[in-house]
Amino acid sequence: METKGTPLYRRRLSEEEIIQICKLLVEKNGIRSIERITGHHRDTIGRLLEGLAEHAEKMNEYLITNVGLSPMECDELWSMVKKNRRKLSTMAQLNLKKVMHGSIPV
């Protein structure tokens, strides 16, 4: 688990800043508009986006290789998790948070 002050994804951005950038990306804002909104340079946002994509790719690779899921099953899994996140037990939510923040070695 990340400790307070430890950069998430080895970045100097705080967890709140990373979450804000991710939300803006999901809302289909461009990198330059996110730069204007957050005040972070577009190269910083681009590197964060690359890191997030790399983590997602490694997570899917792990699920396919080690767990034995097909790519379609991975997609269905993430869709189900997104829909039912609030219905998960507290322990499951904590474990999901660990995976989503990249603290589990892949």
PDB file of N, CA and C in Angstrom:
ATOM      1  N   MET A   1       0.840  -1.184   0.000  1.00  0.00           N
ATOM      2  CA  MET A   1       0.000   0.000   0.000  1.00  0.00           C
ATOM      3  C   MET A   1       0.877   1.236   0.000  1.00  0.00           C
ATOM      4  N   GLU A   2       0.437   2.247  -0.678  1.00  0.00           N
ATOM      5  CA  GLU A   2       1.196   3.479  -0.753  1.00  0.00           C
ATOM      6  C   GLU A   2       1.144   4.193   0.594  1.00  0.00           C
ATOM      7  N   THR A   3       2.270   4.745   1.016  1.00  0.00           N
ATOM      8  CA  THR A   3       2.285   5.530   2.233  1.00  0.00           C
ATOM      9  C   THR A   3       2.090   6.986   1.869  1.00  0.00           C
ATOM     10  N   LYS A   4       1.607   7.748   2.829  1.00  0.00           N
ATOM     11  CA  LYS A   4       1.368   9.162   2.553  1.00  0.00           C
ATOM     12  C   LYS A   4       2.688   9.822   2.176  1.00  0.00           C
ATOM     13  N   GLY A   5       2.675  10.539   1.089  1.00  0.00           N
ATOM     14  CA  GLY A   5       3.868  11.202   0.620  1.00  0.00           C
ATOM     15  C   GLY A   5       4.638  10.399  -0.418  1.00  0.00           C
ATOM     16  N   THR A   6       4.356   9.087  -0.523  1.00  0.00           N
ATOM     17  CA  THR A   6       5.009   8.274  -1.539  1.00  0.00           C
ATOM     18  C   THR A   6       4.307   8.527  -2.862  1.00  0.00           C
ATOM     19  N   PRO A   7       5.046   8.902  -3.883  1.00  0.00           N
ATOM     20  CA  PRO A   7       4.395   9.193  -5.165  1.00  0.00           C
ATOM     21  C   PRO A   7       3.775   7.950  -5.780  1.00  0.00           C
ATOM     22  N   LEU A   8       2.566   8.107  -6.265  1.00  0.00           N
ATOM     23  CA  LEU A   8       1.853   7.044  -6.936  1.00  0.00           C
ATOM     24  C   LEU A   8       2.434   6.877  -8.326  1.00  0.00           C
ATOM     25  N   TYR A   9       2.634   5.652  -8.752  1.00  0.00           N
ATOM     26  CA  TYR A   9       3.245   5.355 -10.052  1.00  0.00           C
ATOM     27  C   TYR A   9       4.621   6.016 -10.185  1.00  0.00           C
ATOM     28  N   ARG A  10       5.301   6.184  -9.061  1.00  0.00           N
ATOM     29  CA  ARG A  10       6.607   6.833  -9.027  1.00  0.00           C
ATOM     30  C   ARG A  10       6.574   8.229  -9.660  1.00  0.00           C
ATOM     31  N   ARG A  11       5.489   8.916  -9.481  1.00  0.00           N
ATOM     32  CA  ARG A  11       5.327  10.277  -9.995  1.00  0.00           C
ATOM     33  C   ARG A  11       5.357  11.246  -8.823  1.00  0.00           C
ATOM     34  N   ARG A  12       5.611  12.503  -9.124  1.00  0.00           N
ATOM     35  CA  ARG A  12       5.616  13.520  -8.077  1.00  0.00           C
ATOM     36  C   ARG A  12       4.222  14.085  -7.836  1.00  0.00           C
ATOM     37  N   LEU A  13       3.261  13.659  -8.635  1.00  0.00           N
ATOM     38  CA  LEU A  13       1.885  14.113  -8.463  1.00  0.00           C
ATOM     39  C   LEU A  13       1.263  13.414  -7.263  1.00  0.00           C
ATOM     40  N   SER A  14       0.381  14.116  -6.584  1.00  0.00           N
ATOM     41  CA  SER A  14      -0.335  13.490  -5.470  1.00  0.00           C
ATOM     42  C   SER A  14      -1.404  12.548  -6.024  1.00  0.00           C
ATOM     43  N   GLU A  15      -1.903  11.686  -5.169  1.00  0.00           N
ATOM     44  CA  GLU A  15      -2.957  10.761  -5.584  1.00  0.00           C
ATOM     45  C   GLU A  15      -4.179  11.531  -6.064  1.00  0.00           C
ATOM     46  N   GLU A  16      -4.519  12.624  -5.392  1.00  0.00           N
ATOM     47  CA  GLU A  16      -5.670  13.424  -5.784  1.00  0.00           C
ATOM     48  C   GLU A  16      -5.476  14.024  -7.176  1.00  0.00           C
ATOM     49  N   GLU A  17      -4.251  14.485  -7.477  1.00  0.00           N
ATOM     50  CA  GLU A  17      -3.984  15.058  -8.792  1.00  0.00           C
ATOM     51  C   GLU A  17      -4.083  13.997  -9.884  1.00  0.00           C
ATOM     52  N   ILE A  18      -3.568  12.799  -9.605  1.00  0.00           N
ATOM     53  CA  ILE A  18      -3.643  11.712 -10.575  1.00  0.00           C
ATOM     54  C   ILE A  18      -5.092  11.323 -10.823  1.00  0.00           C
ATOM     55  N   ILE A  19      -5.876  11.229  -9.762  1.00  0.00           N
ATOM     56  CA  ILE A  19      -7.295  10.882  -9.904  1.00  0.00           C
ATOM     57  C   ILE A  19      -8.019  11.951 -10.713  1.00  0.00           C
ATOM     58  N   GLN A  20      -7.723  13.224 -10.448  1.00  0.00           N
ATOM     59  CA  GLN A  20      -8.364  14.304 -11.202  1.00  0.00           C
ATOM     60  C   GLN A  20      -8.016  14.203 -12.693  1.00  0.00           C
ATOM     61  N   ILE A  21      -6.751  13.953 -13.003  1.00  0.00           N
ATOM     62  CA  ILE A  21      -6.336  13.825 -14.404  1.00  0.00           C
ATOM     63  C   ILE A  21      -7.031  12.637 -15.054  1.00  0.00           C
ATOM     64  N   CYS A  22      -7.118  11.515 -14.330  1.00  0.00           N
ATOM     65  CA  CYS A  22      -7.800  10.330 -14.878  1.00  0.00           C
ATOM     66  C   CYS A  22      -9.266  10.621 -15.159  1.00  0.00           C
ATOM     67  N   LYS A  23      -9.920  11.313 -14.250  1.00  0.00           N
ATOM     68  CA  LYS A  23     -11.337  11.662 -14.460  1.00  0.00           C
ATOM     69  C   LYS A  23     -11.492  12.554 -15.682  1.00  0.00           C
ATOM     70  N   LEU A  24     -10.589  13.501 -15.854  1.00  0.00           N
ATOM     71  CA  LEU A  24     -10.659  14.384 -17.007  1.00  0.00           C
ATOM     72  C   LEU A  24     -10.409  13.610 -18.300  1.00  0.00           C
ATOM     73  N   LEU A  25      -9.495  12.637 -18.268  1.00  0.00           N
ATOM     74  CA  LEU A  25      -9.246  11.802 -19.441  1.00  0.00           C
ATOM     75  C   LEU A  25     -10.471  10.963 -19.787  1.00  0.00           C
ATOM     76  N   VAL A  26     -11.113  10.403 -18.767  1.00  0.00           N
ATOM     77  CA  VAL A  26     -12.307   9.578 -18.989  1.00  0.00           C
ATOM     78  C   VAL A  26     -13.437  10.419 -19.579  1.00  0.00           C
ATOM     79  N   GLU A  27     -13.493  11.679 -19.200  1.00  0.00           N
ATOM     80  CA  GLU A  27     -14.514  12.580 -19.729  1.00  0.00           C
ATOM     81  C   GLU A  27     -14.165  13.089 -21.122  1.00  0.00           C
ATOM     82  N   LYS A  28     -13.112  12.509 -21.718  1.00  0.00           N
ATOM     83  CA  LYS A  28     -12.685  12.793 -23.083  1.00  0.00           C
ATOM     84  C   LYS A  28     -12.147  14.198 -23.273  1.00  0.00           C
ATOM     85  N   ASN A  29     -11.546  14.748 -22.229  1.00  0.00           N
ATOM     86  CA  ASN A  29     -10.828  16.011 -22.375  1.00  0.00           C
ATOM     87  C   ASN A  29      -9.492  15.722 -23.034  1.00  0.00           C
ATOM     88  N   GLY A  30      -9.021  16.635 -23.837  1.00  0.00           N
ATOM     89  CA  GLY A  30      -7.722  16.486 -24.475  1.00  0.00           C
ATOM     90  C   GLY A  30      -6.603  16.802 -23.494  1.00  0.00           C
ATOM     91  N   ILE A  31      -5.399  16.393 -23.862  1.00  0.00           N
ATOM     92  CA  ILE A  31      -4.255  16.621 -22.982  1.00  0.00           C
ATOM     93  C   ILE A  31      -4.012  18.114 -22.779  1.00  0.00           C
ATOM     94  N   ARG A  32      -4.151  18.903 -23.820  1.00  0.00           N
ATOM     95  CA  ARG A  32      -3.942  20.349 -23.669  1.00  0.00           C
ATOM     96  C   ARG A  32      -5.019  21.000 -22.796  1.00  0.00           C
ATOM     97  N   SER A  33      -6.259  20.520 -22.890  1.00  0.00           N
ATOM     98  CA  SER A  33      -7.300  21.095 -22.023  1.00  0.00           C
ATOM     99  C   SER A  33      -7.065  20.674 -20.571  1.00  0.00           C
ATOM    100  N   ILE A  34      -6.585  19.451 -20.364  1.00  0.00           N
ATOM    101  CA  ILE A  34      -6.261  19.004 -19.004  1.00  0.00           C
ATOM    102  C   ILE A  34      -5.101  19.842 -18.471  1.00  0.00           C
ATOM    103  N   GLU A  35      -4.165  20.178 -19.337  1.00  0.00           N
ATOM    104  CA  GLU A  35      -3.045  21.044 -18.948  1.00  0.00           C
ATOM    105  C   GLU A  35      -3.575  22.387 -18.435  1.00  0.00           C
ATOM    106  N   ARG A  36      -4.537  22.961 -19.150  1.00  0.00           N
ATOM    107  CA  ARG A  36      -5.100  24.246 -18.732  1.00  0.00           C
ATOM    108  C   ARG A  36      -5.879  24.116 -17.428  1.00  0.00           C
ATOM    109  N   ILE A  37      -6.638  23.020 -17.281  1.00  0.00           N
ATOM    110  CA  ILE A  37      -7.474  22.835 -16.095  1.00  0.00           C
ATOM    111  C   ILE A  37      -6.627  22.594 -14.850  1.00  0.00           C
ATOM    112  N   THR A  38      -5.608  21.721 -14.973  1.00  0.00           N
ATOM    113  CA  THR A  38      -4.834  21.300 -13.798  1.00  0.00           C
ATOM    114  C   THR A  38      -3.584  22.125 -13.545  1.00  0.00           C
ATOM    115  N   GLY A  39      -3.072  22.762 -14.592  1.00  0.00           N
ATOM    116  CA  GLY A  39      -1.831  23.508 -14.443  1.00  0.00           C
ATOM    117  C   GLY A  39      -0.587  22.642 -14.587  1.00  0.00           C
ATOM    118  N   HIS A  40      -0.760  21.362 -14.915  1.00  0.00           N
ATOM    119  CA  HIS A  40       0.375  20.458 -15.124  1.00  0.00           C
ATOM    120  C   HIS A  40       0.751  20.461 -16.602  1.00  0.00           C
ATOM    121  N   HIS A  41       2.037  20.348 -16.858  1.00  0.00           N
ATOM    122  CA  HIS A  41       2.530  20.373 -18.239  1.00  0.00           C
ATOM    123  C   HIS A  41       2.009  19.166 -19.009  1.00  0.00           C
ATOM    124  N   ARG A  42       1.782  19.354 -20.300  1.00  0.00           N
ATOM    125  CA  ARG A  42       1.237  18.269 -21.136  1.00  0.00           C
ATOM    126  C   ARG A  42       2.159  17.059 -21.202  1.00  0.00           C
ATOM    127  N   ASP A  43       3.473  17.263 -21.079  1.00  0.00           N
ATOM    128  CA  ASP A  43       4.391  16.124 -21.065  1.00  0.00           C
ATOM    129  C   ASP A  43       4.189  15.277 -19.808  1.00  0.00           C
ATOM    130  N   THR A  44       3.925  15.932 -18.680  1.00  0.00           N
ATOM    131  CA  THR A  44       3.653  15.224 -17.429  1.00  0.00           C
ATOM    132  C   THR A  44       2.383  14.395 -17.568  1.00  0.00           C
ATOM    133  N   ILE A  45       1.349  14.985 -18.148  1.00  0.00           N
ATOM    134  CA  ILE A  45       0.077  14.287 -18.349  1.00  0.00           C
ATOM    135  C   ILE A  45       0.265  13.121 -19.319  1.00  0.00           C
ATOM    136  N   GLY A  46       1.017  13.347 -20.371  1.00  0.00           N
ATOM    137  CA  GLY A  46       1.283  12.283 -21.342  1.00  0.00           C
ATOM    138  C   GLY A  46       2.051  11.122 -20.731  1.00  0.00           C
ATOM    139  N   ARG A  47       3.063  11.425 -19.895  1.00  0.00           N
ATOM    140  CA  ARG A  47       3.827  10.354 -19.236  1.00  0.00           C
ATOM    141  C   ARG A  47       2.949   9.582 -18.255  1.00  0.00           C
ATOM    142  N   LEU A  48       2.069  10.299 -17.562  1.00  0.00           N
ATOM    143  CA  LEU A  48       1.143   9.621 -16.655  1.00  0.00           C
ATOM    144  C   LEU A  48       0.222   8.695 -17.436  1.00  0.00           C
ATOM    145  N   LEU A  49      -0.281   9.171 -18.551  1.00  0.00           N
ATOM    146  CA  LEU A  49      -1.156   8.367 -19.397  1.00  0.00           C
ATOM    147  C   LEU A  49      -0.428   7.122 -19.896  1.00  0.00           C
ATOM    148  N   GLU A  50       0.825   7.266 -20.299  1.00  0.00           N
ATOM    149  CA  GLU A  50       1.623   6.116 -20.732  1.00  0.00           C
ATOM    150  C   GLU A  50       1.803   5.111 -19.592  1.00  0.00           C
ATOM    151  N   GLY A  51       2.069   5.619 -18.391  1.00  0.00           N
ATOM    152  CA  GLY A  51       2.229   4.733 -17.233  1.00  0.00           C
ATOM    153  C   GLY A  51       0.945   3.984 -16.902  1.00  0.00           C
ATOM    154  N   LEU A  52      -0.180   4.668 -16.988  1.00  0.00           N
ATOM    155  CA  LEU A  52      -1.469   4.031 -16.722  1.00  0.00           C
ATOM    156  C   LEU A  52      -1.765   2.951 -17.755  1.00  0.00           C
ATOM    157  N   ALA A  53      -1.472   3.257 -19.006  1.00  0.00           N
ATOM    158  CA  ALA A  53      -1.713   2.280 -20.078  1.00  0.00           C
ATOM    159  C   ALA A  53      -0.805   1.061 -19.903  1.00  0.00           C
ATOM    160  N   GLU A  54       0.441   1.293 -19.520  1.00  0.00           N
ATOM    161  CA  GLU A  54       1.376   0.186 -19.295  1.00  0.00           C
ATOM    162  C   GLU A  54       0.900  -0.708 -18.151  1.00  0.00           C
ATOM    163  N   HIS A  55       0.423  -0.087 -17.072  1.00  0.00           N
ATOM    164  CA  HIS A  55      -0.080  -0.856 -15.933  1.00  0.00           C
ATOM    165  C   HIS A  55      -1.300  -1.681 -16.331  1.00  0.00           C
ATOM    166  N   ALA A  56      -2.215  -1.079 -17.071  1.00  0.00           N
ATOM    167  CA  ALA A  56      -3.417  -1.798 -17.506  1.00  0.00           C
ATOM    168  C   ALA A  56      -3.041  -2.978 -18.400  1.00  0.00           C
ATOM    169  N   GLU A  57      -2.073  -2.763 -19.275  1.00  0.00           N
ATOM    170  CA  GLU A  57      -1.628  -3.837 -20.162  1.00  0.00           C
ATOM    171  C   GLU A  57      -1.011  -4.991 -19.356  1.00  0.00           C
ATOM    172  N   LYS A  58      -0.188  -4.657 -18.354  1.00  0.00           N
ATOM    173  CA  LYS A  58       0.432  -5.695 -17.516  1.00  0.00           C
ATOM    174  C   LYS A  58      -0.623  -6.447 -16.710  1.00  0.00           C
ATOM    175  N   MET A  59      -1.623  -5.719 -16.230  1.00  0.00           N
ATOM    176  CA  MET A  59      -2.682  -6.360 -15.446  1.00  0.00           C
ATOM    177  C   MET A  59      -3.466  -7.335 -16.306  1.00  0.00           C
ATOM    178  N   ASN A  60      -3.824  -6.938 -17.514  1.00  0.00           N
ATOM    179  CA  ASN A  60      -4.539  -7.841 -18.416  1.00  0.00           C
ATOM    180  C   ASN A  60      -3.671  -9.031 -18.796  1.00  0.00           C
ATOM    181  N   GLU A  61      -2.382  -8.792 -19.031  1.00  0.00           N
ATOM    182  CA  GLU A  61      -1.453  -9.877 -19.359  1.00  0.00           C
ATOM    183  C   GLU A  61      -1.399 -10.887 -18.215  1.00  0.00           C
ATOM    184  N   TYR A  62      -1.365 -10.384 -16.981  1.00  0.00           N
ATOM    185  CA  TYR A  62      -1.355 -11.261 -15.814  1.00  0.00           C
ATOM    186  C   TYR A  62      -2.633 -12.095 -15.758  1.00  0.00           C
ATOM    187  N   LEU A  63      -3.779 -11.446 -15.973  1.00  0.00           N
ATOM    188  CA  LEU A  63      -5.056 -12.160 -15.920  1.00  0.00           C
ATOM    189  C   LEU A  63      -5.150 -13.225 -17.010  1.00  0.00           C
ATOM    190  N   ILE A  64      -4.613 -12.936 -18.174  1.00  0.00           N
ATOM    191  CA  ILE A  64      -4.658 -13.898 -19.281  1.00  0.00           C
ATOM    192  C   ILE A  64      -3.674 -15.037 -19.052  1.00  0.00           C
ATOM    193  N   THR A  65      -2.442 -14.705 -18.656  1.00  0.00           N
ATOM    194  CA  THR A  65      -1.382 -15.708 -18.509  1.00  0.00           C
ATOM    195  C   THR A  65      -1.524 -16.538 -17.235  1.00  0.00           C
ATOM    196  N   ASN A  66      -1.680 -15.865 -16.107  1.00  0.00           N
ATOM    197  CA  ASN A  66      -1.649 -16.565 -14.812  1.00  0.00           C
ATOM    198  C   ASN A  66      -3.014 -17.046 -14.341  1.00  0.00           C
ATOM    199  N   VAL A  67      -4.056 -16.317 -14.681  1.00  0.00           N
ATOM    200  CA  VAL A  67      -5.393 -16.691 -14.222  1.00  0.00           C
ATOM    201  C   VAL A  67      -6.111 -17.521 -15.275  1.00  0.00           C
ATOM    202  N   GLY A  68      -5.721 -17.371 -16.531  1.00  0.00           N
ATOM    203  CA  GLY A  68      -6.300 -18.171 -17.599  1.00  0.00           C
ATOM    204  C   GLY A  68      -7.534 -17.578 -18.241  1.00  0.00           C
ATOM    205  N   LEU A  69      -7.712 -16.259 -18.112  1.00  0.00           N
ATOM    206  CA  LEU A  69      -8.863 -15.618 -18.743  1.00  0.00           C
ATOM    207  C   LEU A  69      -8.551 -15.303 -20.201  1.00  0.00           C
ATOM    208  N   SER A  70      -9.579 -15.249 -21.023  1.00  0.00           N
ATOM    209  CA  SER A  70      -9.418 -14.820 -22.409  1.00  0.00           C
ATOM    210  C   SER A  70      -9.491 -13.285 -22.423  1.00  0.00           C
ATOM    211  N   PRO A  71      -9.018 -12.652 -23.488  1.00  0.00           N
ATOM    212  CA  PRO A  71      -9.140 -11.186 -23.571  1.00  0.00           C
ATOM    213  C   PRO A  71     -10.581 -10.707 -23.429  1.00  0.00           C
ATOM    214  N   MET A  72     -11.527 -11.444 -23.982  1.00  0.00           N
ATOM    215  CA  MET A  72     -12.929 -11.055 -23.857  1.00  0.00           C
ATOM    216  C   MET A  72     -13.397 -11.164 -22.399  1.00  0.00           C
ATOM    217  N   GLU A  73     -12.946 -12.213 -21.710  1.00  0.00           N
ATOM    218  CA  GLU A  73     -13.315 -12.369 -20.296  1.00  0.00           C
ATOM    219  C   GLU A  73     -12.723 -11.247 -19.450  1.00  0.00           C
ATOM    220  N   CYS A  74     -11.518 -10.796 -19.794  1.00  0.00           N
ATOM    221  CA  CYS A  74     -10.912  -9.665 -19.082  1.00  0.00           C
ATOM    222  C   CYS A  74     -11.768  -8.418 -19.249  1.00  0.00           C
ATOM    223  N   ASP A  75     -12.197  -8.167 -20.464  1.00  0.00           N
ATOM    224  CA  ASP A  75     -13.036  -7.012 -20.733  1.00  0.00           C
ATOM    225  C   ASP A  75     -14.341  -7.095 -19.944  1.00  0.00           C
ATOM    226  N   GLU A  76     -14.938  -8.271 -19.943  1.00  0.00           N
ATOM    227  CA  GLU A  76     -16.180  -8.464 -19.185  1.00  0.00           C
ATOM    228  C   GLU A  76     -15.937  -8.307 -17.692  1.00  0.00           C
ATOM    229  N   LEU A  77     -14.798  -8.796 -17.210  1.00  0.00           N
ATOM    230  CA  LEU A  77     -14.457  -8.668 -15.791  1.00  0.00           C
ATOM    231  C   LEU A  77     -14.382  -7.204 -15.386  1.00  0.00           C
ATOM    232  N   TRP A  78     -13.643  -6.390 -16.159  1.00  0.00           N
ATOM    233  CA  TRP A  78     -13.492  -4.982 -15.804  1.00  0.00           C
ATOM    234  C   TRP A  78     -14.814  -4.235 -15.906  1.00  0.00           C
ATOM    235  N   SER A  79     -15.659  -4.610 -16.860  1.00  0.00           N
ATOM    236  CA  SER A  79     -16.984  -3.990 -16.965  1.00  0.00           C
ATOM    237  C   SER A  79     -17.820  -4.314 -15.742  1.00  0.00           C
ATOM    238  N   MET A  80     -17.769  -5.579 -15.310  1.00  0.00           N
ATOM    239  CA  MET A  80     -18.526  -6.002 -14.129  1.00  0.00           C
ATOM    240  C   MET A  80     -17.999  -5.317 -12.869  1.00  0.00           C
ATOM    241  N   VAL A  81     -16.688  -5.225 -12.737  1.00  0.00           N
ATOM    242  CA  VAL A  81     -16.095  -4.578 -11.561  1.00  0.00           C
ATOM    243  C   VAL A  81     -16.508  -3.120 -11.506  1.00  0.00           C
ATOM    244  N   LYS A  82     -16.456  -2.452 -12.639  1.00  0.00           N
ATOM    245  CA  LYS A  82     -16.838  -1.041 -12.680  1.00  0.00           C
ATOM    246  C   LYS A  82     -18.290  -0.847 -12.262  1.00  0.00           C
ATOM    247  N   LYS A  83     -19.184  -1.717 -12.755  1.00  0.00           N
ATOM    248  CA  LYS A  83     -20.603  -1.607 -12.425  1.00  0.00           C
ATOM    249  C   LYS A  83     -20.884  -1.911 -10.957  1.00  0.00           C
ATOM    250  N   ASN A  84     -20.189  -2.905 -10.404  1.00  0.00           N
ATOM    251  CA  ASN A  84     -20.531  -3.417  -9.075  1.00  0.00           C
ATOM    252  C   ASN A  84     -19.557  -3.024  -7.978  1.00  0.00           C
ATOM    253  N   ARG A  85     -18.737  -2.033  -8.207  1.00  0.00           N
ATOM    254  CA  ARG A  85     -17.717  -1.650  -7.240  1.00  0.00           C
ATOM    255  C   ARG A  85     -18.305  -1.346  -5.863  1.00  0.00           C
ATOM    256  N   ARG A  86     -19.426  -0.649  -5.828  1.00  0.00           N
ATOM    257  CA  ARG A  86     -20.026  -0.260  -4.542  1.00  0.00           C
ATOM    258  C   ARG A  86     -20.635  -1.446  -3.794  1.00  0.00           C
ATOM    259  N   LYS A  87     -20.926  -2.536  -4.511  1.00  0.00           N
ATOM    260  CA  LYS A  87     -21.550  -3.702  -3.891  1.00  0.00           C
ATOM    261  C   LYS A  87     -20.537  -4.664  -3.285  1.00  0.00           C
ATOM    262  N   LEU A  88     -19.244  -4.424  -3.525  1.00  0.00           N
ATOM    263  CA  LEU A  88     -18.206  -5.332  -3.029  1.00  0.00           C
ATOM    264  C   LEU A  88     -18.037  -5.194  -1.525  1.00  0.00           C
ATOM    265  N   SER A  89     -17.548  -6.266  -0.900  1.00  0.00           N
ATOM    266  CA  SER A  89     -17.249  -6.207   0.524  1.00  0.00           C
ATOM    267  C   SER A  89     -16.100  -5.231   0.750  1.00  0.00           C
ATOM    268  N   THR A  90     -15.916  -4.826   1.995  1.00  0.00           N
ATOM    269  CA  THR A  90     -14.843  -3.898   2.330  1.00  0.00           C
ATOM    270  C   THR A  90     -13.485  -4.479   1.955  1.00  0.00           C
ATOM    271  N   MET A  91     -13.270  -5.775   2.240  1.00  0.00           N
ATOM    272  CA  MET A  91     -11.999  -6.417   1.906  1.00  0.00           C
ATOM    273  C   MET A  91     -11.783  -6.451   0.394  1.00  0.00           C
ATOM    274  N   ALA A  92     -12.821  -6.758  -0.358  1.00  0.00           N
ATOM    275  CA  ALA A  92     -12.712  -6.789  -1.813  1.00  0.00           C
ATOM    276  C   ALA A  92     -12.426  -5.391  -2.360  1.00  0.00           C
ATOM    277  N   GLN A  93     -13.047  -4.371  -1.775  1.00  0.00           N
ATOM    278  CA  GLN A  93     -12.790  -3.003  -2.220  1.00  0.00           C
ATOM    279  C   GLN A  93     -11.344  -2.609  -1.957  1.00  0.00           C
ATOM    280  N   LEU A  94     -10.806  -3.017  -0.798  1.00  0.00           N
ATOM    281  CA  LEU A  94      -9.401  -2.719  -0.486  1.00  0.00           C
ATOM    282  C   LEU A  94      -8.462  -3.428  -1.457  1.00  0.00           C
ATOM    283  N   ASN A  95      -8.743  -4.693  -1.741  1.00  0.00           N
ATOM    284  CA  ASN A  95      -7.909  -5.433  -2.689  1.00  0.00           C
ATOM    285  C   ASN A  95      -8.007  -4.851  -4.086  1.00  0.00           C
ATOM    286  N   LEU A  96      -9.186  -4.432  -4.486  1.00  0.00           N
ATOM    287  CA  LEU A  96      -9.368  -3.810  -5.785  1.00  0.00           C
ATOM    288  C   LEU A  96      -8.577  -2.502  -5.856  1.00  0.00           C
ATOM    289  N   LYS A  97      -8.594  -1.752  -4.771  1.00  0.00           N
ATOM    290  CA  LYS A  97      -7.844  -0.500  -4.729  1.00  0.00           C
ATOM    291  C   LYS A  97      -6.352  -0.764  -4.901  1.00  0.00           C
ATOM    292  N   LYS A  98      -5.854  -1.832  -4.285  1.00  0.00           N
ATOM    293  CA  LYS A  98      -4.439  -2.185  -4.433  1.00  0.00           C
ATOM    294  C   LYS A  98      -4.111  -2.478  -5.895  1.00  0.00           C
ATOM    295  N   VAL A  99      -4.955  -3.242  -6.536  1.00  0.00           N
ATOM    296  CA  VAL A  99      -4.719  -3.595  -7.941  1.00  0.00           C
ATOM    297  C   VAL A  99      -4.796  -2.366  -8.815  1.00  0.00           C
ATOM    298  N   MET A 100      -5.771  -1.534  -8.592  1.00  0.00           N
ATOM    299  CA  MET A 100      -5.969  -0.359  -9.443  1.00  0.00           C
ATOM    300  C   MET A 100      -4.860   0.649  -9.260  1.00  0.00           C
ATOM    301  N   HIS A 101      -4.213   0.662  -8.085  1.00  0.00           N
ATOM    302  CA  HIS A 101      -3.137   1.602  -7.862  1.00  0.00           C
ATOM    303  C   HIS A 101      -1.772   1.013  -8.158  1.00  0.00           C
ATOM    304  N   GLY A 102      -1.718  -0.233  -8.606  1.00  0.00           N
ATOM    305  CA  GLY A 102      -0.458  -0.807  -9.048  1.00  0.00           C
ATOM    306  C   GLY A 102       0.447  -1.283  -7.946  1.00  0.00           C
ATOM    307  N   SER A 103      -0.086  -1.564  -6.735  1.00  0.00           N
ATOM    308  CA  SER A 103       0.794  -1.986  -5.649  1.00  0.00           C
ATOM    309  C   SER A 103       1.067  -3.483  -5.669  1.00  0.00           C
ATOM    310  N   ILE A 104       0.363  -4.240  -6.496  1.00  0.00           N
ATOM    311  CA  ILE A 104       0.619  -5.671  -6.598  1.00  0.00           C
ATOM    312  C   ILE A 104       1.574  -5.902  -7.755  1.00  0.00           C
ATOM    313  N   PRO A 105       2.702  -6.569  -7.500  1.00  0.00           N
ATOM    314  CA  PRO A 105       3.632  -6.796  -8.615  1.00  0.00           C
ATOM    315  C   PRO A 105       3.010  -7.699  -9.678  1.00  0.00           C
ATOM    316  N   VAL A 106       3.156  -7.292 -10.915  1.00  0.00           N
ATOM    317  CA  VAL A 106       2.594  -8.041 -12.026  1.00  0.00           C
ATOM    318  C   VAL A 106       3.694  -8.745 -12.768  1.00  0.00           C
TER     319      VAL A 106
END
